[in-house]
C-alpha cells in the first residue's frame, strides 16, 4: 500500500480532480491502483502556526480529495 501526498499544504489554490488523477495514474505504473491512496502530504499540520489556510480552505481541499477518490475508485 502507498499513500500519495497529492495535495499542496503550502498554497490555497485548489488542485483539479484531473491534476490529482494524473498523479495517481503516474504512480499506478509502478504499483497497482488498488494499492494506492491519496492525502495531503502532512495533513495541514505544517500551517498550524501560520495564517496559511482558513478552516474553509482546508475543508475545500479535503472535499476535493474525496471527490477525486470517488472518481478514481468509485463510491
C-alpha atoms as a PDB file:
ATOM      1  CA  UNK A   1       0.000   0.000   0.000  1.00  0.00           C
ATOM      2  CA  UNK A   2       1.224   3.513  -0.796  1.00  0.00           C
ATOM      3  CA  UNK A   3      -0.459   6.781   0.078  1.00  0.00           C
ATOM      4  CA  UNK A   4       0.366   9.651  -2.240  1.00  0.00           C
ATOM      5  CA  UNK A   5       0.636  13.183  -0.861  1.00  0.00           C
ATOM      6  CA  UNK A   6      -1.048  14.740  -3.877  1.00  0.00           C
ATOM      7  CA  UNK A   7      -2.396  17.985  -2.468  1.00  0.00           C
ATOM      8  CA  UNK A   8      -0.341  21.019  -1.517  1.00  0.00           C
ATOM      9  CA  UNK A   9      -0.455  22.205   2.063  1.00  0.00           C
ATOM     10  CA  UNK A  10       1.554  25.276   1.095  1.00  0.00           C
ATOM     11  CA  UNK A  11      -0.840  27.098  -1.264  1.00  0.00           C
ATOM     12  CA  UNK A  12      -4.564  27.855  -1.015  1.00  0.00           C
ATOM     13  CA  UNK A  13      -5.249  27.153  -4.686  1.00  0.00           C
ATOM     14  CA  UNK A  14      -7.394  24.096  -5.152  1.00  0.00           C
ATOM     15  CA  UNK A  15      -5.966  21.319  -7.287  1.00  0.00           C
ATOM     16  CA  UNK A  16      -8.225  19.931 -10.003  1.00  0.00           C
ATOM     17  CA  UNK A  17      -9.574  16.395  -9.975  1.00  0.00           C
ATOM     18  CA  UNK A  18      -7.771  15.898 -13.279  1.00  0.00           C
ATOM     19  CA  UNK A  19      -4.389  17.028 -11.920  1.00  0.00           C
ATOM     20  CA  UNK A  20      -4.656  14.777  -8.879  1.00  0.00           C
ATOM     21  CA  UNK A  21      -5.887  11.906 -11.053  1.00  0.00           C
ATOM     22  CA  UNK A  22      -2.881  12.312 -13.334  1.00  0.00           C
ATOM     23  CA  UNK A  23      -0.519  11.906 -10.378  1.00  0.00           C
ATOM     24  CA  UNK A  24      -2.361   8.757  -9.291  1.00  0.00           C
ATOM     25  CA  UNK A  25      -2.226   7.442 -12.851  1.00  0.00           C
ATOM     26  CA  UNK A  26       1.532   8.045 -12.980  1.00  0.00           C
ATOM     27  CA  UNK A  27       2.027   6.181  -9.698  1.00  0.00           C
ATOM     28  CA  UNK A  28      -0.151   3.301 -10.914  1.00  0.00           C
ATOM     29  CA  UNK A  29       2.552   2.469 -13.439  1.00  0.00           C
ATOM     30  CA  UNK A  30       4.641   1.227 -10.505  1.00  0.00           C
ATOM     31  CA  UNK A  31       2.049  -0.125  -8.081  1.00  0.00           C
ATOM     32  CA  UNK A  32      -1.469  -1.456  -8.619  1.00  0.00           C
ATOM     33  CA  UNK A  33      -4.036   1.343  -8.397  1.00  0.00           C
ATOM     34  CA  UNK A  34      -5.991  -0.640  -5.784  1.00  0.00           C
ATOM     35  CA  UNK A  35      -2.920  -0.398  -3.551  1.00  0.00           C
ATOM     36  CA  UNK A  36      -2.833   3.420  -3.734  1.00  0.00           C
ATOM     37  CA  UNK A  37      -4.448   6.099  -1.615  1.00  0.00           C
ATOM     38  CA  UNK A  38      -4.361   9.905  -1.610  1.00  0.00           C
ATOM     39  CA  UNK A  39      -3.924  12.516   1.104  1.00  0.00           C
ATOM     40  CA  UNK A  40      -2.361  15.899   1.809  1.00  0.00           C
ATOM     41  CA  UNK A  41       1.384  15.316   2.396  1.00  0.00           C
ATOM     42  CA  UNK A  42       1.373  16.125   6.124  1.00  0.00           C
ATOM     43  CA  UNK A  43      -2.233  16.917   6.814  1.00  0.00           C
ATOM     44  CA  UNK A  44      -2.409  20.621   7.489  1.00  0.00           C
ATOM     45  CA  UNK A  45      -0.094  20.481  10.492  1.00  0.00           C
ATOM     46  CA  UNK A  46       2.657  22.456   8.749  1.00  0.00           C
ATOM     47  CA  UNK A  47       0.419  25.527   8.765  1.00  0.00           C
ATOM     48  CA  UNK A  48      -0.835  25.357  12.358  1.00  0.00           C
ATOM     49  CA  UNK A  49       1.263  28.351  13.454  1.00  0.00           C
ATOM     50  CA  UNK A  50       0.801  30.440  10.305  1.00  0.00           C
ATOM     51  CA  UNK A  51      -2.133  32.106   8.613  1.00  0.00           C
ATOM     52  CA  UNK A  52      -1.714  29.966   5.507  1.00  0.00           C
ATOM     53  CA  UNK A  53      -5.165  28.324   5.474  1.00  0.00           C
ATOM     54  CA  UNK A  54      -8.569  29.050   6.834  1.00  0.00           C
ATOM     55  CA  UNK A  55     -10.764  26.220   8.028  1.00  0.00           C
ATOM     56  CA  UNK A  56     -12.796  26.716   4.842  1.00  0.00           C
ATOM     57  CA  UNK A  57      -9.641  26.282   2.719  1.00  0.00           C
ATOM     58  CA  UNK A  58      -8.865  23.013   4.477  1.00  0.00           C
ATOM     59  CA  UNK A  59     -12.433  21.761   4.084  1.00  0.00           C
ATOM     60  CA  UNK A  60     -12.421  22.590   0.348  1.00  0.00           C
ATOM     61  CA  UNK A  61      -9.152  20.716  -0.133  1.00  0.00           C
ATOM     62  CA  UNK A  62     -10.352  17.675   1.800  1.00  0.00           C
ATOM     63  CA  UNK A  63     -13.641  17.694  -0.138  1.00  0.00           C
ATOM     64  CA  UNK A  64     -11.621  17.720  -3.378  1.00  0.00           C
ATOM     65  CA  UNK A  65      -9.639  14.700  -2.193  1.00  0.00           C
ATOM     66  CA  UNK A  66     -12.899  12.848  -1.516  1.00  0.00           C
ATOM     67  CA  UNK A  67     -14.279  13.886  -4.917  1.00  0.00           C
ATOM     68  CA  UNK A  68     -11.116  12.662  -6.615  1.00  0.00           C
ATOM     69  CA  UNK A  69     -11.078   9.361  -4.703  1.00  0.00           C
ATOM     70  CA  UNK A  70     -14.694   8.721  -5.682  1.00  0.00           C
ATOM     71  CA  UNK A  71     -13.856   9.484  -9.310  1.00  0.00           C
ATOM     72  CA  UNK A  72     -10.882   7.108  -9.334  1.00  0.00           C
ATOM     73  CA  UNK A  73     -12.042   4.260  -7.090  1.00  0.00           C
ATOM     74  CA  UNK A  74     -15.828   4.701  -7.071  1.00  0.00           C
ATOM     75  CA  UNK A  75     -18.027   5.196  -4.043  1.00  0.00           C
END
